[in-house]
Amino acid sequence: MSESGFPDNTVRLRVISQPRPEQPADTDPGAPGPARGRGRDEQGRTGMGPGATMLPPALVMLGLGAYNLATTQVRQDESATWWAAHLSWTDLGRLLDNTDVVLAPYYVLMHLWVSLVGADPAPLRLPSLVAMAATAGLLALLGRRMFDAPTGLVGGLVFAVLPVTTRYATDARPYAMSALAVVVAALLLYRALDHEGADRWGGYALGMLFTGLFHPVAATVVVAYFVLTVINERQRVGAWFAVTLVPVAPLLAVLVLARGQNHQDPQSGTGIDTLLHLPQDLLGSAKVAAAVGVLALLGVLLGRKTGLALLVWVALPPLALFGLRSYVNLFTPSYFVFTLPALALLAGAGVCGLARALPGRDRGVPTRQLVAGLVAAAAVAVVSLPAFRPLSVDPQAGQPDYESAASYMLGQQEAGDGIVYGGDQAASMRALAYQLRDDVSRPSEVYVVVSPQQDGTYTGQPCSAPVVCSEGVKRIWLVTTASTAAPYAGMTKVEATYLQANYKVTGARKFAGELQVALLRRVSAKSGE
């Protein structure tokens, strides 16, 4: 108490009057590299929560992919997925012991899926569509964390309207899964960096593991993850290294198992032109590559350090594999689908960064970003229209028309018919087996003595004595992707010579994709004819 009888508030008032510690101000609401806990403040500025940011890209991707999901016949590569998925667990184990062990998680997933829903084109491709739609939505969330909500939304929309994403959303192969895995792993990395505890690193390690297991080439994104760690939490680089080593061991074990196996070789060149043409080969056209490339370049320039990390994500994998092409040829456009999320996010960062730099009130920044971003995404979609048209053509360019070939054979098939293959035998055997999967009376494999299922391969063990294997077979269907001048190419010399000497072509038909089907009838004296 003071002498006046009133409580002494001198000390308390002095404490209150002391200046508060200065708080870091976010002077640039759209600046890259948001601080922890910024999401709630940003939502207040833009009115866009995580759901509003994710939903539009996911729905656009879902709609574009669903439109083409069942319109085209199953492609040659997709038939490999069906083949693995329809095998018994024992036969699948034999197959993975001989080939494609690097795709084991995907084949196991598809085995479970096909056993539930069947193997028609739409159900077979549905997991890829769902994965690509999820990638578009989660990419928007990743962009929101890296930059801001408008940038995430625009990046997700650019990703969704690219023709290549629709192409692989309707492809029963692991490329959509690998794109999803790299985005999920990046989100889990940020989740770990945003929390001091070590318990969040397990998710990132698991995400990194699946990134490599869905497709080993996608594991090269680990360098971009390192750059993101350095940019955001330099002092935790050691923890990142320690955690990243956890999935490396099983990935290396899988690669060691895969060494020496037979694989489907990429159909690509090895010259510098292959690298220079990768953008247009991957994105579907030179115009689409130019439009997205200009926006992405802006993203690199305006995205600061985060833009650099995304550039590493986009550019390092193809450059690294091109440099290693003399050791292992894995350079093919489809293997780099997992780089598209970073490319689209760079495009979004470029548009929104430019809108942020325009003069105007700070409160209007999110609106300018959204308007400019939506216009840019619409422009990319318009430029992409010509590249969308080939996706609805059946069969697609370069794909043999096995569906029509199977219908032609079924219309003239007789009991006891046999079948042989020329050209790319493995692809033809798988693709035609898919088309004839419901025909119990389909022609028997003449030159196969051990079935592919029992052999753990796509072709089985070939017959070494054609005269024995074709005994009693009066009619043989020759299905070949070889040239018209050499339809028996791909067979052994003994097989081709025997067919030419003992069978005569009585009918033939050509189909799209350099596919030929010929009916051979026995003319040898031994046949009694």
Protein backbone atom coordinates (compact mmCIF):
# COMPACT_ATOMS: atom_id res chain seq x y z
CA MET A 1 0.00 0.00 0.00
CA SER A 2 1.22 3.56 -0.69
CA GLU A 3 1.11 6.35 1.83
CA SER A 4 -2.08 7.60 0.16
CA GLY A 5 -3.84 4.35 0.97
CA PHE A 6 -4.13 3.16 -2.62
CA PRO A 7 -2.51 -0.01 -3.91
CA ASP A 8 0.93 0.51 -5.33
CA ASN A 9 0.63 -0.30 -9.10
CA THR A 10 3.92 1.22 -10.10
CA VAL A 11 5.67 -2.06 -10.81
CA ARG A 12 2.69 -3.55 -12.62
CA LEU A 13 2.25 -0.52 -14.82
CA ARG A 14 5.91 -0.52 -15.64
CA VAL A 15 5.68 -4.10 -16.83
CA ILE A 16 2.66 -3.37 -18.99
CA SER A 17 4.22 -0.31 -20.50
CA GLN A 18 7.33 -2.18 -21.63
CA PRO A 19 7.37 -2.67 -25.42
CA ARG A 20 6.39 -6.15 -26.61
CA PRO A 21 8.99 -8.20 -28.42
CA GLU A 22 8.87 -7.43 -32.12
CA GLN A 23 7.00 -10.10 -34.06
CA PRO A 24 8.15 -11.09 -37.52
CA ALA A 25 5.74 -9.56 -39.99
CA ASP A 26 4.73 -11.28 -43.15
CA THR A 27 5.03 -8.18 -45.31
CA ASP A 28 4.55 -10.15 -48.51
CA PRO A 29 1.46 -12.32 -48.16
CA GLY A 30 2.27 -14.22 -51.32
CA ALA A 31 5.97 -14.73 -50.71
CA PRO A 32 7.35 -18.24 -51.14
CA GLY A 33 8.56 -20.31 -48.26
CA PRO A 34 5.76 -19.81 -45.71
CA ALA A 35 6.56 -19.94 -42.05
CA ARG A 36 5.15 -22.61 -39.81
CA GLY A 37 1.56 -22.12 -38.88
CA ARG A 38 0.91 -19.64 -41.70
CA GLY A 39 -1.93 -21.67 -43.20
CA ARG A 40 -4.66 -20.27 -40.93
CA ASP A 41 -3.62 -16.65 -41.56
CA GLU A 42 -3.48 -17.27 -45.29
CA GLN A 43 -6.91 -18.86 -45.25
CA GLY A 44 -8.23 -15.68 -43.71
CA ARG A 45 -6.70 -13.55 -46.45
CA THR A 46 -7.79 -15.67 -49.39
CA GLY A 47 -10.89 -17.42 -48.09
CA MET A 48 -9.40 -20.69 -49.39
CA GLY A 49 -8.94 -23.55 -47.00
CA PRO A 50 -7.14 -26.78 -47.92
CA GLY A 51 -10.32 -28.35 -49.26
CA ALA A 52 -11.14 -25.42 -51.53
CA THR A 53 -7.58 -25.48 -52.86
CA MET A 54 -7.48 -29.23 -53.54
CA LEU A 55 -10.96 -29.97 -54.85
CA PRO A 56 -11.05 -28.10 -58.21
CA PRO A 57 -7.84 -29.66 -59.65
CA ALA A 58 -8.88 -33.12 -58.47
CA LEU A 59 -12.34 -32.82 -60.04
CA VAL A 60 -10.97 -31.46 -63.34
CA MET A 61 -8.48 -34.32 -63.52
CA LEU A 62 -11.15 -36.85 -62.63
CA GLY A 63 -13.49 -35.54 -65.33
CA LEU A 64 -10.90 -35.43 -68.11
CA GLY A 65 -9.59 -38.88 -67.30
CA ALA A 66 -13.02 -40.49 -66.93
CA TYR A 67 -14.00 -39.25 -70.38
CA ASN A 68 -11.35 -41.41 -72.05
CA LEU A 69 -11.20 -44.23 -69.54
CA ALA A 70 -13.00 -46.87 -71.59
CA THR A 71 -12.85 -45.43 -75.10
CA THR A 72 -9.60 -47.03 -76.25
CA GLN A 73 -8.55 -50.66 -76.22
CA VAL A 74 -5.95 -51.91 -73.78
CA ARG A 75 -2.46 -51.04 -75.04
CA GLN A 76 0.51 -53.39 -75.33
CA ASP A 77 2.13 -52.16 -72.11
CA GLU A 78 -1.16 -52.33 -70.25
CA SER A 79 -1.53 -55.96 -71.25
CA ALA A 80 1.57 -56.68 -69.15
CA THR A 81 -0.28 -55.29 -66.13
CA TRP A 82 -3.31 -57.46 -66.88
CA TRP A 83 -1.09 -60.50 -67.38
CA ALA A 84 0.57 -60.07 -64.00
CA ALA A 85 -2.71 -59.22 -62.30
CA HIS A 86 -4.65 -62.24 -63.55
CA LEU A 87 -2.01 -64.79 -62.51
CA SER A 88 -2.31 -66.86 -59.38
CA TRP A 89 -0.11 -65.77 -56.49
CA THR A 90 2.24 -68.65 -57.21
CA ASP A 91 2.52 -67.79 -60.90
CA LEU A 92 2.96 -64.11 -60.08
CA GLY A 93 5.85 -65.05 -57.83
CA ARG A 94 7.43 -66.97 -60.70
CA LEU A 95 7.01 -63.98 -63.01
CA LEU A 96 8.58 -61.55 -60.55
CA ASP A 97 11.44 -63.96 -60.04
CA ASN A 98 12.27 -63.59 -63.73
CA THR A 99 11.22 -60.09 -64.69
CA ASP A 100 9.87 -56.74 -63.48
CA VAL A 101 10.54 -57.31 -59.78
CA VAL A 102 10.90 -53.51 -59.51
CA LEU A 103 7.17 -53.29 -60.23
CA ALA A 104 6.20 -55.89 -57.63
CA PRO A 105 4.19 -53.50 -55.37
CA TYR A 106 2.18 -52.26 -58.34
CA TYR A 107 1.51 -55.75 -59.65
CA VAL A 108 0.44 -56.96 -56.21
CA LEU A 109 -1.92 -53.99 -55.90
CA MET A 110 -3.38 -54.65 -59.34
CA HIS A 111 -3.70 -58.38 -58.59
CA LEU A 112 -5.91 -57.56 -55.63
CA TRP A 113 -7.88 -54.99 -57.61
CA VAL A 114 -8.53 -57.18 -60.67
CA SER A 115 -9.64 -60.06 -58.47
CA LEU A 116 -12.36 -57.75 -57.09
CA VAL A 117 -13.57 -55.76 -60.11
CA GLY A 118 -12.45 -57.67 -63.20
CA ALA A 119 -10.20 -56.74 -66.09
CA ASP A 120 -12.31 -54.72 -68.53
CA PRO A 121 -10.52 -51.56 -69.74
CA ALA A 122 -12.27 -49.07 -67.43
CA PRO A 123 -11.82 -51.04 -64.18
CA LEU A 124 -8.25 -51.92 -65.14
CA ARG A 125 -7.40 -48.23 -65.55
CA LEU A 126 -9.43 -46.87 -62.63
CA PRO A 127 -6.56 -47.03 -60.06
CA SER A 128 -4.43 -44.86 -62.36
CA LEU A 129 -7.24 -42.33 -62.74
CA VAL A 130 -7.81 -42.13 -58.99
CA ALA A 131 -4.07 -41.78 -58.41
CA MET A 132 -3.75 -38.97 -60.96
CA ALA A 133 -6.77 -37.11 -59.56
CA ALA A 134 -5.32 -37.45 -56.05
CA THR A 135 -2.00 -36.16 -57.37
CA ALA A 136 -3.67 -33.04 -58.78
CA GLY A 137 -5.43 -32.34 -55.49
CA LEU A 138 -2.43 -33.01 -53.27
CA LEU A 139 -0.20 -31.00 -55.59
CA ALA A 140 -2.43 -27.99 -54.91
CA LEU A 141 -1.97 -28.64 -51.20
CA LEU A 142 1.80 -28.89 -51.68
CA GLY A 143 1.81 -25.60 -53.60
CA ARG A 144 -0.17 -24.01 -50.76
CA ARG A 145 2.52 -25.10 -48.34
CA MET A 146 5.43 -24.10 -50.58
CA PHE A 147 4.01 -20.77 -51.78
CA ASP A 148 0.38 -19.84 -51.08
CA ALA A 149 -3.14 -21.06 -51.78
CA PRO A 150 -3.58 -19.37 -55.20
CA THR A 151 -0.28 -20.79 -56.44
CA GLY A 152 -1.25 -24.26 -55.27
CA LEU A 153 -4.65 -24.05 -56.93
CA VAL A 154 -3.21 -22.79 -60.22
CA GLY A 155 -0.41 -25.38 -60.20
CA GLY A 156 -2.93 -28.16 -59.61
CA LEU A 157 -5.16 -26.92 -62.43
CA VAL A 158 -2.26 -26.65 -64.89
CA PHE A 159 -1.30 -30.20 -63.98
CA ALA A 160 -4.89 -31.41 -64.49
CA VAL A 161 -5.34 -29.89 -67.97
CA LEU A 162 -2.10 -31.25 -69.44
CA PRO A 163 -2.80 -33.90 -72.11
CA VAL A 164 -0.06 -36.11 -70.72
CA THR A 165 -1.76 -36.41 -67.33
CA THR A 166 -4.98 -37.54 -69.02
CA ARG A 167 -2.94 -39.96 -71.11
CA TYR A 168 -1.42 -41.66 -68.08
CA ALA A 169 -4.58 -41.36 -65.98
CA THR A 170 -6.05 -43.76 -68.54
CA ASP A 171 -3.07 -46.09 -68.58
CA ALA A 172 -2.93 -49.24 -66.45
CA ARG A 173 0.73 -48.79 -65.65
CA PRO A 174 2.52 -47.50 -62.51
CA TYR A 175 3.30 -43.98 -63.78
CA ALA A 176 0.33 -42.28 -62.13
CA MET A 177 1.15 -44.10 -58.90
CA SER A 178 4.76 -42.85 -59.00
CA ALA A 179 3.54 -39.25 -59.55
CA LEU A 180 1.26 -39.59 -56.54
CA ALA A 181 4.05 -41.09 -54.44
CA VAL A 182 6.50 -38.23 -55.05
CA VAL A 183 3.90 -35.59 -54.14
CA VAL A 184 2.84 -37.47 -51.00
CA ALA A 185 6.48 -37.90 -49.97
CA ALA A 186 7.10 -34.16 -50.44
CA LEU A 187 4.09 -33.33 -48.24
CA LEU A 188 5.29 -35.78 -45.61
CA LEU A 189 8.74 -34.19 -45.74
CA TYR A 190 7.23 -30.77 -45.00
CA ARG A 191 5.19 -32.34 -42.23
CA ALA A 192 8.38 -33.64 -40.66
CA LEU A 193 10.19 -30.32 -41.08
CA ASP A 194 7.29 -28.39 -39.57
CA HIS A 195 7.51 -30.32 -36.29
CA GLU A 196 10.45 -30.62 -33.96
CA GLY A 197 9.65 -34.17 -32.88
CA ALA A 198 11.24 -37.16 -34.55
CA ASP A 199 7.96 -39.05 -34.78
CA ARG A 200 6.95 -37.31 -38.03
CA TRP A 201 9.91 -38.63 -40.04
CA GLY A 202 8.48 -42.13 -40.34
CA GLY A 203 5.82 -40.98 -42.79
CA TYR A 204 8.42 -39.38 -45.03
CA ALA A 205 10.56 -42.53 -44.98
CA LEU A 206 7.57 -44.65 -45.96
CA GLY A 207 6.61 -42.21 -48.71
CA MET A 208 10.15 -42.25 -50.06
CA LEU A 209 10.14 -46.05 -50.06
CA PHE A 210 6.96 -46.26 -52.13
CA THR A 211 8.27 -43.57 -54.46
CA GLY A 212 11.09 -45.90 -55.45
CA LEU A 213 9.05 -49.09 -55.36
CA PHE A 214 6.32 -47.88 -57.71
CA HIS A 215 9.02 -46.97 -60.20
CA PRO A 216 12.76 -46.92 -59.42
CA VAL A 217 13.47 -43.92 -61.68
CA ALA A 218 11.23 -41.78 -59.44
CA ALA A 219 13.66 -42.27 -56.56
CA THR A 220 15.92 -39.65 -58.20
CA VAL A 221 13.56 -37.02 -56.76
CA VAL A 222 15.41 -37.51 -53.47
CA VAL A 223 17.87 -34.80 -54.56
CA ALA A 224 15.01 -32.29 -54.76
CA TYR A 225 13.89 -33.36 -51.29
CA PHE A 226 17.41 -32.63 -50.05
CA VAL A 227 17.30 -29.14 -51.56
CA LEU A 228 13.92 -28.51 -49.92
CA THR A 229 15.36 -29.57 -46.57
CA VAL A 230 18.35 -27.23 -46.94
CA ILE A 231 16.07 -24.33 -47.89
CA ASN A 232 13.57 -24.80 -45.07
CA GLU A 233 15.52 -26.32 -42.16
CA ARG A 234 19.24 -26.34 -42.82
CA GLN A 235 20.02 -27.46 -39.29
CA ARG A 236 17.98 -30.65 -39.81
CA VAL A 237 19.87 -31.89 -42.85
CA GLY A 238 21.57 -34.52 -40.71
CA ALA A 239 18.21 -35.90 -39.60
CA TRP A 240 17.06 -35.94 -43.23
CA PHE A 241 20.11 -37.95 -44.28
CA ALA A 242 19.62 -40.46 -41.47
CA VAL A 243 15.93 -40.97 -42.28
CA THR A 244 16.50 -41.13 -46.04
CA LEU A 245 18.94 -43.99 -45.57
CA VAL A 246 16.11 -46.12 -44.14
CA PRO A 247 14.28 -46.72 -47.47
CA VAL A 248 17.56 -46.87 -49.41
CA ALA A 249 18.39 -50.38 -48.17
CA PRO A 250 15.20 -52.10 -49.44
CA LEU A 251 15.36 -50.10 -52.69
CA LEU A 252 18.92 -51.23 -53.30
CA ALA A 253 17.91 -54.81 -52.50
CA VAL A 254 15.16 -54.65 -55.13
CA LEU A 255 17.56 -53.18 -57.69
CA VAL A 256 20.07 -55.94 -56.98
CA LEU A 257 17.34 -58.54 -57.51
CA ALA A 258 16.34 -56.80 -60.74
CA ARG A 259 19.87 -56.83 -62.08
CA GLY A 260 20.14 -59.47 -64.76
CA GLN A 261 16.38 -59.88 -65.13
CA ASN A 262 14.64 -59.49 -68.46
CA HIS A 263 12.81 -56.18 -68.73
CA GLN A 264 10.67 -54.35 -71.23
CA ASP A 265 13.26 -52.14 -72.88
CA PRO A 266 12.35 -48.49 -73.46
CA GLN A 267 11.78 -47.75 -77.13
CA SER A 268 13.89 -44.60 -77.32
CA GLY A 269 17.10 -43.37 -78.82
CA THR A 270 20.28 -42.46 -77.03
CA GLY A 271 21.44 -39.38 -78.98
CA ILE A 272 21.29 -35.78 -77.84
CA ASP A 273 18.14 -35.28 -79.96
CA THR A 274 16.32 -37.66 -77.61
CA LEU A 275 17.06 -35.34 -74.69
CA LEU A 276 16.19 -32.18 -76.62
CA HIS A 277 12.86 -33.61 -77.77
CA LEU A 278 11.88 -34.92 -74.32
CA PRO A 279 9.68 -31.91 -73.38
CA GLN A 280 7.47 -32.21 -76.45
CA ASP A 281 7.51 -36.02 -76.36
CA LEU A 282 6.42 -35.99 -72.72
CA LEU A 283 3.90 -33.13 -72.90
CA GLY A 284 2.35 -34.21 -76.18
CA SER A 285 3.33 -31.35 -78.49
CA ALA A 286 5.89 -28.60 -78.95
CA LYS A 287 3.24 -25.91 -78.36
CA VAL A 288 2.20 -27.34 -75.01
CA ALA A 289 5.86 -27.70 -74.01
CA ALA A 290 6.56 -24.06 -74.98
CA ALA A 291 3.50 -22.68 -73.15
CA VAL A 292 4.18 -24.55 -69.92
CA GLY A 293 7.94 -24.01 -70.25
CA VAL A 294 7.60 -20.20 -70.39
CA LEU A 295 5.40 -20.20 -67.28
CA ALA A 296 7.77 -22.60 -65.50
CA LEU A 297 10.76 -20.38 -66.35
CA LEU A 298 8.93 -17.48 -64.70
CA GLY A 299 8.42 -19.74 -61.70
CA VAL A 300 12.14 -20.44 -61.48
CA LEU A 301 12.92 -16.70 -61.64
CA LEU A 302 10.20 -15.58 -59.24
CA GLY A 303 9.98 -18.61 -57.00
CA ARG A 304 13.28 -17.90 -55.25
CA LYS A 305 14.89 -20.86 -53.51
CA THR A 306 11.73 -22.95 -53.63
CA GLY A 307 11.67 -22.51 -57.39
CA LEU A 308 15.20 -23.87 -57.50
CA ALA A 309 14.12 -27.02 -55.64
CA LEU A 310 11.30 -27.57 -58.12
CA LEU A 311 13.72 -27.05 -61.01
CA VAL A 312 15.91 -29.82 -59.58
CA TRP A 313 12.82 -32.04 -59.37
CA VAL A 314 12.02 -31.39 -63.04
CA ALA A 315 15.47 -31.40 -64.66
CA LEU A 316 17.76 -33.68 -62.67
CA PRO A 317 16.07 -37.08 -63.32
CA PRO A 318 16.15 -36.90 -67.14
CA LEU A 319 19.65 -35.41 -67.17
CA ALA A 320 20.95 -38.10 -64.82
CA LEU A 321 19.40 -40.97 -66.77
CA PHE A 322 20.55 -39.52 -70.07
CA GLY A 323 24.09 -39.42 -68.68
CA LEU A 324 23.78 -43.08 -67.61
CA ARG A 325 22.27 -44.31 -70.88
CA SER A 326 25.44 -46.17 -71.88
CA TYR A 327 25.22 -48.19 -68.66
CA VAL A 328 21.45 -48.69 -68.50
CA ASN A 329 18.90 -47.35 -70.98
CA LEU A 330 15.97 -46.10 -68.90
CA PHE A 331 15.48 -42.90 -70.85
CA THR A 332 11.90 -42.91 -72.11
CA PRO A 333 9.24 -40.18 -71.70
CA SER A 334 6.76 -42.24 -69.68
CA TYR A 335 9.38 -42.80 -66.98
CA PHE A 336 9.40 -39.04 -66.22
CA VAL A 337 5.70 -38.53 -65.54
CA PHE A 338 6.63 -37.99 -61.88
CA THR A 339 8.39 -34.71 -62.84
CA LEU A 340 5.14 -33.17 -64.13
CA PRO A 341 3.83 -32.09 -60.69
CA ALA A 342 6.92 -29.94 -60.15
CA LEU A 343 6.68 -28.52 -63.67
CA ALA A 344 3.02 -27.56 -63.18
CA LEU A 345 3.76 -26.06 -59.78
CA LEU A 346 6.56 -23.97 -61.30
CA ALA A 347 4.07 -22.73 -63.91
CA GLY A 348 1.65 -21.77 -61.14
CA ALA A 349 4.43 -20.01 -59.23
CA GLY A 350 5.38 -18.08 -62.36
CA VAL A 351 1.85 -16.80 -63.04
CA CYS A 352 1.05 -16.00 -59.42
CA GLY A 353 4.48 -14.49 -58.83
CA LEU A 354 3.99 -12.17 -61.79
CA ALA A 355 0.53 -11.20 -60.55
CA ARG A 356 1.98 -10.50 -57.11
CA ALA A 357 4.62 -8.21 -58.63
CA LEU A 358 2.03 -6.06 -60.44
CA PRO A 359 1.21 -2.71 -58.83
CA GLY A 360 -1.84 -2.57 -56.62
CA ARG A 361 -3.02 -2.86 -53.03
CA ASP A 362 -1.71 -5.77 -50.98
CA ARG A 363 -5.25 -6.88 -50.18
CA GLY A 364 -5.85 -7.45 -53.87
CA VAL A 365 -2.87 -9.77 -54.34
CA PRO A 366 -4.78 -13.09 -53.91
CA THR A 367 -7.50 -11.94 -56.30
CA ARG A 368 -4.95 -10.90 -58.93
CA GLN A 369 -3.19 -14.22 -58.52
CA LEU A 370 -6.39 -16.23 -58.94
CA VAL A 371 -7.56 -14.29 -61.99
CA ALA A 372 -4.17 -14.46 -63.71
CA GLY A 373 -3.77 -18.12 -62.77
CA LEU A 374 -7.17 -19.17 -64.06
CA VAL A 375 -6.53 -17.33 -67.33
CA ALA A 376 -3.14 -19.04 -67.67
CA ALA A 377 -4.58 -22.50 -66.91
CA ALA A 378 -7.35 -21.91 -69.46
CA ALA A 379 -4.74 -20.83 -72.03
CA VAL A 380 -2.73 -24.00 -71.43
CA ALA A 381 -5.92 -26.02 -71.88
CA VAL A 382 -6.70 -24.29 -75.18
CA VAL A 383 -3.17 -24.83 -76.48
CA SER A 384 -3.46 -28.47 -75.44
CA LEU A 385 -6.68 -29.20 -77.34
CA PRO A 386 -4.94 -30.60 -80.46
CA ALA A 387 -2.89 -32.94 -78.27
CA PHE A 388 -6.08 -34.25 -76.61
CA ARG A 389 -7.65 -35.41 -79.87
CA PRO A 390 -5.32 -38.40 -80.46
CA LEU A 391 -6.21 -39.71 -77.00
CA SER A 392 -9.74 -40.57 -78.16
CA VAL A 393 -8.61 -42.37 -81.32
CA ASP A 394 -8.79 -46.14 -81.17
CA PRO A 395 -6.27 -47.61 -81.50
CA GLN A 396 -3.98 -44.78 -80.49
CA ALA A 397 -1.10 -43.80 -82.73
CA GLY A 398 1.58 -46.49 -82.90
CA GLN A 399 -0.56 -49.08 -81.12
CA PRO A 400 -1.44 -52.31 -82.99
CA ASP A 401 -5.16 -52.94 -83.32
CA TYR A 402 -5.31 -56.25 -81.45
CA GLU A 403 -9.01 -55.85 -80.74
CA SER A 404 -9.92 -55.90 -84.44
CA ALA A 405 -7.41 -58.68 -85.09
CA ALA A 406 -9.02 -60.82 -82.39
CA SER A 407 -12.48 -60.22 -83.86
CA TYR A 408 -11.22 -61.20 -87.31
CA MET A 409 -9.78 -64.46 -85.97
CA LEU A 410 -12.87 -65.33 -83.94
CA GLY A 411 -15.03 -64.89 -87.03
CA GLN A 412 -13.09 -67.59 -88.92
CA GLN A 413 -11.86 -69.77 -86.09
CA GLU A 414 -12.23 -73.55 -86.19
CA ALA A 415 -11.69 -76.20 -83.56
CA GLY A 416 -8.07 -77.35 -83.39
CA ASP A 417 -6.58 -74.11 -84.71
CA GLY A 418 -3.14 -73.11 -83.50
CA ILE A 419 -1.42 -69.75 -83.24
CA VAL A 420 2.18 -68.50 -83.62
CA TYR A 421 3.73 -65.04 -83.35
CA GLY A 422 6.24 -62.99 -85.29
CA GLY A 423 7.85 -59.63 -84.57
CA ASP A 424 7.53 -58.58 -80.91
CA GLN A 425 6.33 -61.94 -79.68
CA ALA A 426 6.02 -61.12 -75.98
CA ALA A 427 3.87 -58.03 -76.59
CA SER A 428 1.67 -59.80 -79.13
CA MET A 429 1.15 -62.85 -76.93
CA ARG A 430 0.08 -60.71 -73.96
CA ALA A 431 -2.09 -58.34 -75.96
CA LEU A 432 -3.91 -61.06 -77.88
CA ALA A 433 -4.31 -63.15 -74.74
CA TYR A 434 -6.11 -60.18 -73.19
CA GLN A 435 -8.43 -59.79 -76.18
CA LEU A 436 -9.21 -63.54 -76.18
CA ARG A 437 -9.39 -63.88 -72.39
CA ASP A 438 -13.10 -64.84 -72.41
CA ASP A 439 -12.85 -67.28 -75.33
CA VAL A 440 -12.43 -70.80 -73.97
CA SER A 441 -11.91 -72.24 -77.46
CA ARG A 442 -9.14 -69.84 -78.51
CA PRO A 443 -6.31 -71.22 -80.67
CA SER A 444 -3.59 -73.15 -78.84
CA GLU A 445 0.02 -71.96 -78.70
CA VAL A 446 1.80 -74.18 -81.23
CA TYR A 447 5.41 -73.28 -80.47
CA VAL A 448 5.15 -73.15 -76.67
CA VAL A 449 5.98 -76.31 -74.70
CA VAL A 450 5.94 -74.77 -71.20
CA SER A 451 3.23 -72.19 -70.62
CA PRO A 452 4.18 -68.62 -69.65
CA GLN A 453 2.43 -69.10 -66.31
CA GLN A 454 4.54 -72.12 -65.41
CA ASP A 455 7.69 -70.62 -66.89
CA GLY A 456 7.36 -67.32 -65.04
CA THR A 457 7.70 -65.30 -68.27
CA TYR A 458 5.49 -63.58 -70.81
CA THR A 459 6.25 -66.06 -73.60
CA GLY A 460 6.87 -69.48 -72.04
CA GLN A 461 9.49 -71.94 -73.23
CA PRO A 462 9.65 -72.28 -77.04
CA CYS A 463 9.42 -75.55 -78.87
CA SER A 464 12.74 -76.86 -80.16
CA ALA A 465 11.18 -79.32 -82.64
CA PRO A 466 8.49 -77.63 -84.79
CA VAL A 467 7.70 -80.86 -86.62
CA VAL A 468 6.65 -82.43 -83.33
CA CYS A 469 4.85 -79.40 -81.88
CA SER A 470 2.75 -78.76 -84.99
CA GLU A 471 1.81 -82.39 -85.56
CA GLY A 472 -1.91 -82.71 -86.27
CA VAL A 473 -2.44 -78.94 -86.50
CA LYS A 474 -3.98 -78.25 -89.91
CA ARG A 475 -4.52 -74.50 -89.51
CA ILE A 476 -2.24 -71.98 -87.83
CA TRP A 477 -2.86 -68.29 -87.28
CA LEU A 478 0.25 -66.15 -87.72
CA VAL A 479 0.05 -62.90 -85.74
CA THR A 480 3.01 -60.66 -86.46
CA THR A 481 4.18 -57.08 -85.98
CA ALA A 482 7.11 -57.66 -88.32
CA SER A 483 7.25 -56.08 -91.77
CA THR A 484 5.22 -57.43 -94.66
CA ALA A 485 8.42 -58.45 -96.41
CA ALA A 486 9.55 -60.56 -93.43
CA PRO A 487 6.45 -61.66 -91.47
CA TYR A 488 8.29 -64.53 -89.77
CA ALA A 489 10.93 -62.28 -88.20
CA GLY A 490 11.22 -62.83 -84.47
CA MET A 491 10.86 -66.61 -84.76
CA THR A 492 13.79 -68.99 -84.70
CA LYS A 493 15.12 -69.96 -88.10
CA VAL A 494 13.91 -73.55 -87.60
CA GLU A 495 10.35 -72.42 -86.82
CA ALA A 496 10.16 -70.02 -89.77
CA THR A 497 11.63 -72.53 -92.21
CA TYR A 498 9.22 -75.27 -91.16
CA LEU A 499 6.16 -73.05 -91.51
CA GLN A 500 7.17 -71.84 -94.95
CA ALA A 501 7.85 -75.38 -96.15
CA ASN A 502 4.74 -77.06 -94.75
CA TYR A 503 2.03 -74.37 -94.64
CA LYS A 504 0.53 -72.05 -97.22
CA VAL A 505 -1.02 -68.64 -96.60
CA THR A 506 -4.71 -68.87 -97.50
CA GLY A 507 -5.81 -65.52 -96.15
CA ALA A 508 -4.27 -62.45 -94.61
CA ARG A 509 -5.32 -59.08 -93.30
CA LYS A 510 -3.47 -55.98 -92.14
CA PHE A 511 -4.48 -53.87 -89.15
CA ALA A 512 -3.42 -50.54 -87.71
CA GLY A 513 -0.05 -50.39 -85.99
CA GLU A 514 1.74 -52.63 -88.52
CA LEU A 515 -0.13 -55.68 -87.29
CA GLN A 516 -0.81 -58.56 -89.69
CA VAL A 517 -2.85 -61.71 -89.24
CA ALA A 518 -2.46 -64.59 -91.71
CA LEU A 519 -4.17 -67.96 -91.83
CA LEU A 520 -1.77 -70.79 -92.71
CA ARG A 521 -3.07 -74.17 -93.91
CA ARG A 522 -0.98 -77.33 -93.98
CA VAL A 523 -0.02 -78.48 -97.49
CA SER A 524 2.57 -81.12 -96.65
CA ALA A 525 2.02 -84.62 -98.03
CA LYS A 526 2.07 -85.90 -94.47
CA SER A 527 -1.18 -84.12 -93.80
CA GLY A 528 -2.99 -86.29 -96.31
CA GLU A 529 -4.21 -83.30 -98.30
